[in-house]
């Protein structure tokens, strides 16, 4: 006794009852790919935010060090001027005269 072969669709040779199964598999694959893409995008966004936070913290630290160095330099200058007022005036006059010679007048 022989059985009749299953009917196939004319376009791809797959039995008709497998078309729906193949479509469900394809739909599931596309859904999984979408989920993976969303998850990957979320991970990249978090990584970008973390990098931005680290950069901001570093910029703040550098700014604080620069401000501290400027305060220290100012404090040393004030101490020098207080200890040596005549020398400070002579240095200021000399620097002013030098700049006057270097900067052209209109």
C-alpha atoms as a PDB file:
ATOM      1  CA  UNK A   1       0.000   0.000   0.000  1.00  0.00           C
ATOM      2  CA  UNK A   2       1.411   3.384  -0.965  1.00  0.00           C
ATOM      3  CA  UNK A   3       0.564   6.802   0.380  1.00  0.00           C
ATOM      4  CA  UNK A   4      -0.019   9.804  -1.766  1.00  0.00           C
ATOM      5  CA  UNK A   5       2.800  12.370  -1.625  1.00  0.00           C
ATOM      6  CA  UNK A   6       2.041  15.588   0.262  1.00  0.00           C
ATOM      7  CA  UNK A   7       0.985  18.498  -1.872  1.00  0.00           C
ATOM      8  CA  UNK A   8       3.586  21.199  -2.306  1.00  0.00           C
ATOM      9  CA  UNK A   9       3.210  24.843  -3.077  1.00  0.00           C
ATOM     10  CA  UNK A  10       4.192  25.661  -6.622  1.00  0.00           C
ATOM     11  CA  UNK A  11       6.750  28.307  -5.617  1.00  0.00           C
ATOM     12  CA  UNK A  12       9.070  26.561  -3.181  1.00  0.00           C
ATOM     13  CA  UNK A  13       8.315  22.869  -2.939  1.00  0.00           C
ATOM     14  CA  UNK A  14       7.345  23.103   0.761  1.00  0.00           C
ATOM     15  CA  UNK A  15       4.178  21.285   1.769  1.00  0.00           C
ATOM     16  CA  UNK A  16       1.320  23.800   2.308  1.00  0.00           C
ATOM     17  CA  UNK A  17       0.836  22.989   5.996  1.00  0.00           C
ATOM     18  CA  UNK A  18       4.475  24.053   6.634  1.00  0.00           C
ATOM     19  CA  UNK A  19       3.929  27.572   5.216  1.00  0.00           C
ATOM     20  CA  UNK A  20       2.260  28.735   8.421  1.00  0.00           C
ATOM     21  CA  UNK A  21       4.943  27.116  10.555  1.00  0.00           C
ATOM     22  CA  UNK A  22       7.693  28.765   8.507  1.00  0.00           C
ATOM     23  CA  UNK A  23       5.925  32.122   8.777  1.00  0.00           C
ATOM     24  CA  UNK A  24       5.659  31.737  12.591  1.00  0.00           C
ATOM     25  CA  UNK A  25       9.356  30.844  12.776  1.00  0.00           C
ATOM     26  CA  UNK A  26      10.252  33.853  10.675  1.00  0.00           C
ATOM     27  CA  UNK A  27       8.067  36.132  12.798  1.00  0.00           C
ATOM     28  CA  UNK A  28       9.700  34.774  15.976  1.00  0.00           C
ATOM     29  CA  UNK A  29      13.178  35.283  14.527  1.00  0.00           C
ATOM     30  CA  UNK A  30      12.378  38.872  13.568  1.00  0.00           C
ATOM     31  CA  UNK A  31      10.931  39.486  17.023  1.00  0.00           C
ATOM     32  CA  UNK A  32      14.081  38.088  18.677  1.00  0.00           C
ATOM     33  CA  UNK A  33      16.287  40.219  16.430  1.00  0.00           C
ATOM     34  CA  UNK A  34      14.281  43.298  17.396  1.00  0.00           C
ATOM     35  CA  UNK A  35      14.631  42.447  21.083  1.00  0.00           C
ATOM     36  CA  UNK A  36      18.370  41.931  20.666  1.00  0.00           C
ATOM     37  CA  UNK A  37      18.702  45.251  18.840  1.00  0.00           C
ATOM     38  CA  UNK A  38      16.776  47.099  21.567  1.00  0.00           C
ATOM     39  CA  UNK A  39      18.852  45.450  24.295  1.00  0.00           C
ATOM     40  CA  UNK A  40      22.094  46.312  22.468  1.00  0.00           C
ATOM     41  CA  UNK A  41      21.013  49.921  21.969  1.00  0.00           C
ATOM     42  CA  UNK A  42      20.172  50.196  25.658  1.00  0.00           C
ATOM     43  CA  UNK A  43      23.559  48.809  26.663  1.00  0.00           C
ATOM     44  CA  UNK A  44      25.311  51.243  24.331  1.00  0.00           C
ATOM     45  CA  UNK A  45      23.317  54.145  25.754  1.00  0.00           C
ATOM     46  CA  UNK A  46      24.308  53.170  29.300  1.00  0.00           C
ATOM     47  CA  UNK A  47      27.951  52.846  28.259  1.00  0.00           C
ATOM     48  CA  UNK A  48      27.789  56.307  26.662  1.00  0.00           C
ATOM     49  CA  UNK A  49      26.289  57.813  29.804  1.00  0.00           C
ATOM     50  CA  UNK A  50      28.960  56.194  31.954  1.00  0.00           C
ATOM     51  CA  UNK A  51      31.705  57.571  29.692  1.00  0.00           C
ATOM     52  CA  UNK A  52      30.137  61.043  29.838  1.00  0.00           C
ATOM     53  CA  UNK A  53      29.985  60.883  33.638  1.00  0.00           C
ATOM     54  CA  UNK A  54      33.631  59.834  33.858  1.00  0.00           C
ATOM     55  CA  UNK A  55      34.592  62.669  31.510  1.00  0.00           C
ATOM     56  CA  UNK A  56      32.656  65.196  33.575  1.00  0.00           C
ATOM     57  CA  UNK A  57      34.266  64.008  36.808  1.00  0.00           C
ATOM     58  CA  UNK A  58      37.712  64.255  35.202  1.00  0.00           C
ATOM     59  CA  UNK A  59      36.976  67.777  33.918  1.00  0.00           C
ATOM     60  CA  UNK A  60      35.856  68.851  37.392  1.00  0.00           C
ATOM     61  CA  UNK A  61      39.039  67.439  38.950  1.00  0.00           C
ATOM     62  CA  UNK A  62      41.238  69.213  36.397  1.00  0.00           C
ATOM     63  CA  UNK A  63      39.343  72.462  36.947  1.00  0.00           C
ATOM     64  CA  UNK A  64      39.725  72.195  40.721  1.00  0.00           C
ATOM     65  CA  UNK A  65      43.479  71.588  40.386  1.00  0.00           C
ATOM     66  CA  UNK A  66      43.837  74.587  38.045  1.00  0.00           C
ATOM     67  CA  UNK A  67      41.863  76.817  40.429  1.00  0.00           C
ATOM     68  CA  UNK A  68      44.001  75.670  43.344  1.00  0.00           C
ATOM     69  CA  UNK A  69      47.210  76.390  41.415  1.00  0.00           C
ATOM     70  CA  UNK A  70      45.918  79.862  40.486  1.00  0.00           C
ATOM     71  CA  UNK A  71      45.038  80.609  44.143  1.00  0.00           C
ATOM     72  CA  UNK A  72      48.502  79.471  45.267  1.00  0.00           C
ATOM     73  CA  UNK A  73      50.224  81.616  42.627  1.00  0.00           C
ATOM     74  CA  UNK A  74      48.149  84.645  43.597  1.00  0.00           C
ATOM     75  CA  UNK A  75      48.920  84.124  47.268  1.00  0.00           C
ATOM     76  CA  UNK A  76      52.678  83.908  46.566  1.00  0.00           C
ATOM     77  CA  UNK A  77      52.523  87.058  44.443  1.00  0.00           C
ATOM     78  CA  UNK A  78      50.704  88.969  47.190  1.00  0.00           C
ATOM     79  CA  UNK A  79      53.316  87.836  49.732  1.00  0.00           C
ATOM     80  CA  UNK A  80      56.174  88.919  47.429  1.00  0.00           C
ATOM     81  CA  UNK A  81      54.625  92.339  46.807  1.00  0.00           C
ATOM     82  CA  UNK A  82      54.024  92.833  50.547  1.00  0.00           C
ATOM     83  CA  UNK A  83      57.597  91.833  51.399  1.00  0.00           C
ATOM     84  CA  UNK A  84      59.231  93.818  48.533  1.00  0.00           C
ATOM     85  CA  UNK A  85      57.078  96.838  47.601  1.00  0.00           C
ATOM     86  CA  UNK A  86      59.908  98.853  45.956  1.00  0.00           C
ATOM     87  CA  UNK A  87      61.104  95.910  43.852  1.00  0.00           C
ATOM     88  CA  UNK A  88      57.495  95.159  42.866  1.00  0.00           C
ATOM     89  CA  UNK A  89      56.970  98.729  41.630  1.00  0.00           C
ATOM     90  CA  UNK A  90      60.235  98.611  39.647  1.00  0.00           C
ATOM     91  CA  UNK A  91      59.264  95.268  38.088  1.00  0.00           C
ATOM     92  CA  UNK A  92      55.836  96.651  37.171  1.00  0.00           C
ATOM     93  CA  UNK A  93      57.376  99.760  35.568  1.00  0.00           C
ATOM     94  CA  UNK A  94      59.896  97.642  33.640  1.00  0.00           C
ATOM     95  CA  UNK A  95      57.234  95.258  32.341  1.00  0.00           C
ATOM     96  CA  UNK A  96      55.030  98.224  31.370  1.00  0.00           C
ATOM     97  CA  UNK A  97      57.884  99.908  29.491  1.00  0.00           C
ATOM     98  CA  UNK A  98      58.729  96.660  27.696  1.00  0.00           C
ATOM     99  CA  UNK A  99      55.109  96.110  26.636  1.00  0.00           C
ATOM    100  CA  UNK A 100      54.861  99.735  25.459  1.00  0.00           C
ATOM    101  CA  UNK A 101      57.823  99.165  23.145  1.00  0.00           C
ATOM    102  CA  UNK A 102      56.527  95.833  21.822  1.00  0.00           C
ATOM    103  CA  UNK A 103      52.914  96.797  21.189  1.00  0.00           C
ATOM    104  CA  UNK A 104      52.592  99.166  18.221  1.00  0.00           C
ATOM    105  CA  UNK A 105      50.395 102.251  18.550  1.00  0.00           C
ATOM    106  CA  UNK A 106      47.952 103.241  15.886  1.00  0.00           C
END
